[in-house]
């Protein structure tokens, strides 16, 4: 991740808020996917999809090595996702609770 020294911490927070507000304008999964495809590189988008797959596996109670076997995501990333799922800002928990069974199917 780049260090944006040209943005003050306040400007960075504002830029993130504006991005969040843009996401809130999107109304369908297809619109969100289109936006993310335009916003992210293919590798960034794949990394986010991989992390979400890890969340799903963790919610199923799978062991890290089984998650690695199923997804190919590194054990380091699996551990990081697990840590943020348990002790992060709550974003994963909110998304999991709102997607319900769709996140496991």
Protein backbone atom coordinates (compact mmCIF):
# COMPACT_ATOMS: atom_id res chain seq x y z
CA UNK A 1 0.00 0.00 0.00
CA UNK A 2 1.28 3.43 -0.89
CA UNK A 3 2.02 6.05 1.71
CA UNK A 4 0.17 9.19 0.61
CA UNK A 5 2.37 11.79 2.22
CA UNK A 6 0.66 14.51 0.17
CA UNK A 7 -2.61 13.93 2.08
CA UNK A 8 -2.98 14.98 5.67
CA UNK A 9 -4.61 12.44 8.01
CA UNK A 10 -7.75 14.58 7.92
CA UNK A 11 -7.76 14.62 4.10
CA UNK A 12 -7.29 10.84 4.05
CA UNK A 13 -10.29 10.35 6.36
CA UNK A 14 -12.33 12.67 4.13
CA UNK A 15 -11.30 10.77 0.99
CA UNK A 16 -12.29 7.47 2.63
CA UNK A 17 -15.64 8.96 3.70
CA UNK A 18 -16.30 10.16 0.15
CA UNK A 19 -15.50 6.67 -1.16
CA UNK A 20 -17.88 5.16 1.39
CA UNK A 21 -20.58 7.62 0.34
CA UNK A 22 -20.05 6.68 -3.31
CA UNK A 23 -20.47 3.00 -2.40
CA UNK A 24 -23.73 3.83 -0.63
CA UNK A 25 -25.17 5.22 -3.87
CA UNK A 26 -24.90 1.81 -5.55
CA UNK A 27 -28.12 -0.18 -5.46
CA UNK A 28 -27.42 -3.66 -6.77
CA UNK A 29 -24.62 -6.22 -6.52
CA UNK A 30 -24.00 -5.67 -10.23
CA UNK A 31 -23.54 -1.92 -9.71
CA UNK A 32 -21.12 -2.54 -6.84
CA UNK A 33 -19.19 -5.06 -8.91
CA UNK A 34 -18.97 -2.60 -11.83
CA UNK A 35 -17.76 0.17 -9.52
CA UNK A 36 -15.16 -2.07 -7.89
CA UNK A 37 -13.98 -3.30 -11.29
CA UNK A 38 -13.44 0.30 -12.36
CA UNK A 39 -11.88 1.33 -9.04
CA UNK A 40 -9.54 -1.60 -8.38
CA UNK A 41 -6.88 -3.44 -10.29
CA UNK A 42 -7.71 -7.07 -11.06
CA UNK A 43 -5.26 -8.14 -8.33
CA UNK A 44 -6.84 -5.82 -5.75
CA UNK A 45 -10.31 -7.08 -6.58
CA UNK A 46 -9.13 -10.69 -6.37
CA UNK A 47 -7.48 -10.01 -3.00
CA UNK A 48 -10.76 -8.62 -1.64
CA UNK A 49 -12.74 -11.56 -3.01
CA UNK A 50 -10.20 -13.96 -1.49
CA UNK A 51 -10.52 -12.28 1.91
CA UNK A 52 -14.29 -12.51 1.75
CA UNK A 53 -14.00 -16.23 0.91
CA UNK A 54 -11.79 -16.59 4.00
CA UNK A 55 -14.44 -14.87 6.13
CA UNK A 56 -17.01 -17.38 4.90
CA UNK A 57 -14.71 -20.30 5.73
CA UNK A 58 -13.93 -18.90 9.18
CA UNK A 59 -17.66 -18.51 9.83
CA UNK A 60 -18.01 -22.22 9.02
CA UNK A 61 -15.38 -23.00 11.66
CA UNK A 62 -12.80 -24.39 9.24
CA UNK A 63 -9.17 -24.72 10.33
CA UNK A 64 -6.63 -22.38 8.74
CA UNK A 65 -4.92 -25.19 6.80
CA UNK A 66 -8.27 -26.33 5.41
CA UNK A 67 -9.06 -22.76 4.38
CA UNK A 68 -5.66 -22.56 2.67
CA UNK A 69 -6.34 -25.86 0.90
CA UNK A 70 -9.74 -24.65 -0.33
CA UNK A 71 -8.83 -21.07 -1.25
CA UNK A 72 -5.08 -20.89 -1.79
CA UNK A 73 -4.99 -17.82 0.46
CA UNK A 74 -1.81 -17.64 2.55
CA UNK A 75 -1.91 -18.60 6.20
CA UNK A 76 -0.70 -15.07 7.04
CA UNK A 77 -3.69 -13.53 5.26
CA UNK A 78 -6.07 -16.04 6.83
CA UNK A 79 -4.72 -15.07 10.26
CA UNK A 80 -5.08 -11.38 9.46
CA UNK A 81 -8.68 -11.83 8.30
CA UNK A 82 -9.46 -13.85 11.43
CA UNK A 83 -7.97 -11.12 13.63
CA UNK A 84 -10.02 -8.39 11.94
CA UNK A 85 -13.13 -10.55 12.05
CA UNK A 86 -12.67 -10.90 15.81
CA UNK A 87 -11.16 -7.53 16.74
CA UNK A 88 -11.46 -5.18 13.79
CA UNK A 89 -13.76 -2.22 13.19
CA UNK A 90 -16.79 -4.48 12.84
CA UNK A 91 -17.18 -4.25 9.08
CA UNK A 92 -16.85 -7.98 8.44
CA UNK A 93 -19.34 -8.73 11.22
CA UNK A 94 -21.88 -6.28 9.83
CA UNK A 95 -21.55 -7.65 6.30
CA UNK A 96 -21.80 -11.26 7.47
CA UNK A 97 -24.90 -10.52 9.54
CA UNK A 98 -26.57 -8.71 6.65
CA UNK A 99 -25.78 -11.26 3.96
CA UNK A 100 -27.07 -14.14 6.07
CA UNK A 101 -27.08 -17.48 4.31
CA UNK A 102 -26.01 -15.90 0.99
CA UNK A 103 -22.46 -15.60 2.34
CA UNK A 104 -22.33 -19.36 2.87
CA UNK A 105 -23.87 -20.56 -0.34
